[in-house]
Amino acid sequence: MARKSWPFKRILLFLGLLITVISGVILWWINVVKPPNGIGIGLVSAALLLVGIGVLLIAGFLYLLP
């Protein structure tokens, strides 16, 4: 019965990793390579980074559950 929940947990984990990595790369690119003229892109990317970390935390809690 617990095996049926594994695909959902893996999808959630990979989604969190993907969001975190992509937004982290965007934040690095904005801050190191090309500083932005405005603040909008940086705020959106920082928000995505926090969402990705939140999804990773939820996925971690789901992996701990039986």
N, C-alpha and C. Protein backbone atom coordinates (compact mmCIF):
# COMPACT_ATOMS: atom_id res chain seq x y z
N MET A 1 0.83 -1.19 0.00
CA MET A 1 0.00 0.00 0.00
C MET A 1 0.88 1.26 0.00
N ALA A 2 1.98 1.24 0.72
CA ALA A 2 2.84 2.42 0.79
C ALA A 2 3.58 2.65 -0.53
N ARG A 3 3.70 1.62 -1.35
CA ARG A 3 4.39 1.79 -2.62
C ARG A 3 3.64 2.70 -3.59
N LYS A 4 2.34 2.80 -3.45
CA LYS A 4 1.56 3.64 -4.35
C LYS A 4 1.84 5.12 -4.11
N SER A 5 2.27 5.51 -2.92
CA SER A 5 2.54 6.92 -2.64
C SER A 5 3.93 7.34 -3.09
N TRP A 6 4.80 6.39 -3.45
CA TRP A 6 6.17 6.74 -3.84
C TRP A 6 6.25 7.64 -5.06
N PRO A 7 5.50 7.40 -6.14
CA PRO A 7 5.63 8.31 -7.29
C PRO A 7 5.29 9.75 -6.93
N PHE A 8 4.29 9.96 -6.09
CA PHE A 8 3.93 11.31 -5.68
C PHE A 8 5.07 11.96 -4.90
N LYS A 9 5.69 11.20 -4.01
CA LYS A 9 6.79 11.73 -3.22
C LYS A 9 7.98 12.07 -4.10
N ARG A 10 8.28 11.21 -5.07
CA ARG A 10 9.40 11.48 -5.97
C ARG A 10 9.13 12.69 -6.85
N ILE A 11 7.90 12.80 -7.36
CA ILE A 11 7.55 13.95 -8.19
C ILE A 11 7.68 15.23 -7.39
N LEU A 12 7.21 15.23 -6.15
CA LEU A 12 7.30 16.40 -5.30
C LEU A 12 8.75 16.74 -4.99
N LEU A 13 9.57 15.73 -4.74
CA LEU A 13 10.98 15.97 -4.46
C LEU A 13 11.69 16.56 -5.68
N PHE A 14 11.49 15.97 -6.86
CA PHE A 14 12.15 16.47 -8.05
C PHE A 14 11.62 17.85 -8.44
N LEU A 15 10.34 18.12 -8.20
CA LEU A 15 9.79 19.44 -8.47
C LEU A 15 10.44 20.49 -7.57
N GLY A 16 10.59 20.16 -6.29
CA GLY A 16 11.26 21.07 -5.37
C GLY A 16 12.71 21.31 -5.75
N LEU A 17 13.41 20.24 -6.12
CA LEU A 17 14.80 20.39 -6.55
C LEU A 17 14.90 21.25 -7.80
N LEU A 18 14.02 21.02 -8.76
CA LEU A 18 14.04 21.77 -10.00
C LEU A 18 13.78 23.26 -9.77
N ILE A 19 12.76 23.57 -8.98
CA ILE A 19 12.45 24.97 -8.68
C ILE A 19 13.60 25.64 -7.95
N THR A 20 14.18 24.94 -6.97
CA THR A 20 15.27 25.51 -6.19
C THR A 20 16.51 25.76 -7.04
N VAL A 21 16.88 24.79 -7.87
CA VAL A 21 18.08 24.93 -8.70
C VAL A 21 17.90 26.04 -9.74
N ILE A 22 16.76 26.05 -10.42
CA ILE A 22 16.54 27.06 -11.46
C ILE A 22 16.51 28.46 -10.86
N SER A 23 15.78 28.65 -9.76
CA SER A 23 15.72 29.98 -9.16
C SER A 23 17.06 30.38 -8.55
N GLY A 24 17.81 29.41 -8.03
CA GLY A 24 19.15 29.72 -7.52
C GLY A 24 20.09 30.17 -8.62
N VAL A 25 20.02 29.52 -9.78
CA VAL A 25 20.85 29.92 -10.92
C VAL A 25 20.44 31.31 -11.40
N ILE A 26 19.14 31.58 -11.44
CA ILE A 26 18.68 32.91 -11.86
C ILE A 26 19.15 33.97 -10.88
N LEU A 27 19.05 33.69 -9.58
CA LEU A 27 19.53 34.66 -8.58
C LEU A 27 21.02 34.89 -8.71
N TRP A 28 21.79 33.82 -8.92
CA TRP A 28 23.23 33.97 -9.10
C TRP A 28 23.53 34.81 -10.34
N TRP A 29 22.82 34.54 -11.43
CA TRP A 29 23.04 35.27 -12.68
C TRP A 29 22.71 36.75 -12.50
N ILE A 30 21.62 37.04 -11.79
CA ILE A 30 21.23 38.43 -11.56
C ILE A 30 22.26 39.15 -10.70
N ASN A 31 22.72 38.51 -9.64
CA ASN A 31 23.60 39.18 -8.69
C ASN A 31 25.05 39.21 -9.11
N VAL A 32 25.52 38.24 -9.87
CA VAL A 32 26.94 38.17 -10.22
C VAL A 32 27.19 38.63 -11.64
N VAL A 33 26.45 38.09 -12.59
CA VAL A 33 26.74 38.33 -14.01
C VAL A 33 26.16 39.65 -14.48
N LYS A 34 24.87 39.86 -14.25
CA LYS A 34 24.20 41.04 -14.79
C LYS A 34 23.28 41.63 -13.73
N PRO A 35 23.74 42.64 -13.01
CA PRO A 35 22.86 43.26 -12.02
C PRO A 35 21.63 43.87 -12.68
N PRO A 36 20.46 43.69 -12.07
CA PRO A 36 19.23 44.18 -12.70
C PRO A 36 19.07 45.69 -12.57
N ASN A 37 18.31 46.26 -13.50
CA ASN A 37 17.97 47.68 -13.42
C ASN A 37 16.88 47.89 -12.38
N GLY A 38 15.98 46.94 -12.29
CA GLY A 38 14.88 47.04 -11.33
C GLY A 38 14.99 45.95 -10.29
N ILE A 39 14.00 45.89 -9.45
CA ILE A 39 14.02 44.92 -8.35
C ILE A 39 13.07 43.76 -8.61
N GLY A 40 12.22 43.86 -9.63
CA GLY A 40 11.16 42.87 -9.86
C GLY A 40 11.66 41.47 -10.11
N ILE A 41 12.63 41.30 -11.01
CA ILE A 41 13.10 39.96 -11.36
C ILE A 41 13.77 39.31 -10.16
N GLY A 42 14.53 40.07 -9.41
CA GLY A 42 15.18 39.53 -8.23
C GLY A 42 14.19 39.07 -7.18
N LEU A 43 13.12 39.85 -7.00
CA LEU A 43 12.10 39.46 -6.01
C LEU A 43 11.36 38.20 -6.44
N VAL A 44 11.05 38.11 -7.73
CA VAL A 44 10.35 36.92 -8.23
C VAL A 44 11.24 35.69 -8.07
N SER A 45 12.52 35.81 -8.39
CA SER A 45 13.42 34.68 -8.27
C SER A 45 13.63 34.30 -6.81
N ALA A 46 13.73 35.28 -5.93
CA ALA A 46 13.87 34.98 -4.50
C ALA A 46 12.61 34.29 -3.97
N ALA A 47 11.45 34.73 -4.43
CA ALA A 47 10.21 34.08 -4.02
C ALA A 47 10.16 32.64 -4.52
N LEU A 48 10.60 32.42 -5.77
CA LEU A 48 10.64 31.05 -6.30
C LEU A 48 11.62 30.18 -5.51
N LEU A 49 12.73 30.76 -5.09
CA LEU A 49 13.69 30.01 -4.29
C LEU A 49 13.05 29.58 -2.97
N LEU A 50 12.32 30.48 -2.34
CA LEU A 50 11.65 30.13 -1.09
C LEU A 50 10.56 29.09 -1.31
N VAL A 51 9.83 29.19 -2.42
CA VAL A 51 8.82 28.18 -2.74
C VAL A 51 9.48 26.82 -2.95
N GLY A 52 10.61 26.80 -3.67
CA GLY A 52 11.33 25.55 -3.90
C GLY A 52 11.81 24.92 -2.60
N ILE A 53 12.32 25.75 -1.70
CA ILE A 53 12.78 25.23 -0.41
C ILE A 53 11.59 24.70 0.39
N GLY A 54 10.46 25.40 0.31
CA GLY A 54 9.25 24.92 0.99
C GLY A 54 8.78 23.58 0.45
N VAL A 55 8.82 23.43 -0.87
CA VAL A 55 8.42 22.15 -1.48
C VAL A 55 9.38 21.05 -1.06
N LEU A 56 10.67 21.37 -0.99
CA LEU A 56 11.64 20.37 -0.54
C LEU A 56 11.39 19.97 0.91
N LEU A 57 11.03 20.92 1.75
CA LEU A 57 10.71 20.58 3.15
C LEU A 57 9.49 19.69 3.24
N ILE A 58 8.46 20.00 2.45
CA ILE A 58 7.26 19.15 2.44
C ILE A 58 7.60 17.75 1.95
N ALA A 59 8.42 17.67 0.89
CA ALA A 59 8.82 16.36 0.37
C ALA A 59 9.62 15.59 1.41
N GLY A 60 10.47 16.29 2.15
CA GLY A 60 11.24 15.63 3.21
C GLY A 60 10.35 15.07 4.30
N PHE A 61 9.35 15.83 4.71
CA PHE A 61 8.41 15.33 5.71
C PHE A 61 7.62 14.14 5.18
N LEU A 62 7.24 14.17 3.90
CA LEU A 62 6.51 13.04 3.32
C LEU A 62 7.38 11.79 3.27
N TYR A 63 8.69 11.95 3.03
CA TYR A 63 9.57 10.79 3.02
C TYR A 63 9.72 10.19 4.40
N LEU A 64 9.61 11.03 5.44
CA LEU A 64 9.72 10.51 6.80
C LEU A 64 8.48 9.75 7.23
N LEU A 65 7.33 10.10 6.65
CA LEU A 65 6.09 9.40 7.00
C LEU A 65 6.09 7.99 6.43
N PRO A 66 5.48 7.05 7.13
CA PRO A 66 5.44 5.67 6.61
C PRO A 66 4.51 5.53 5.42
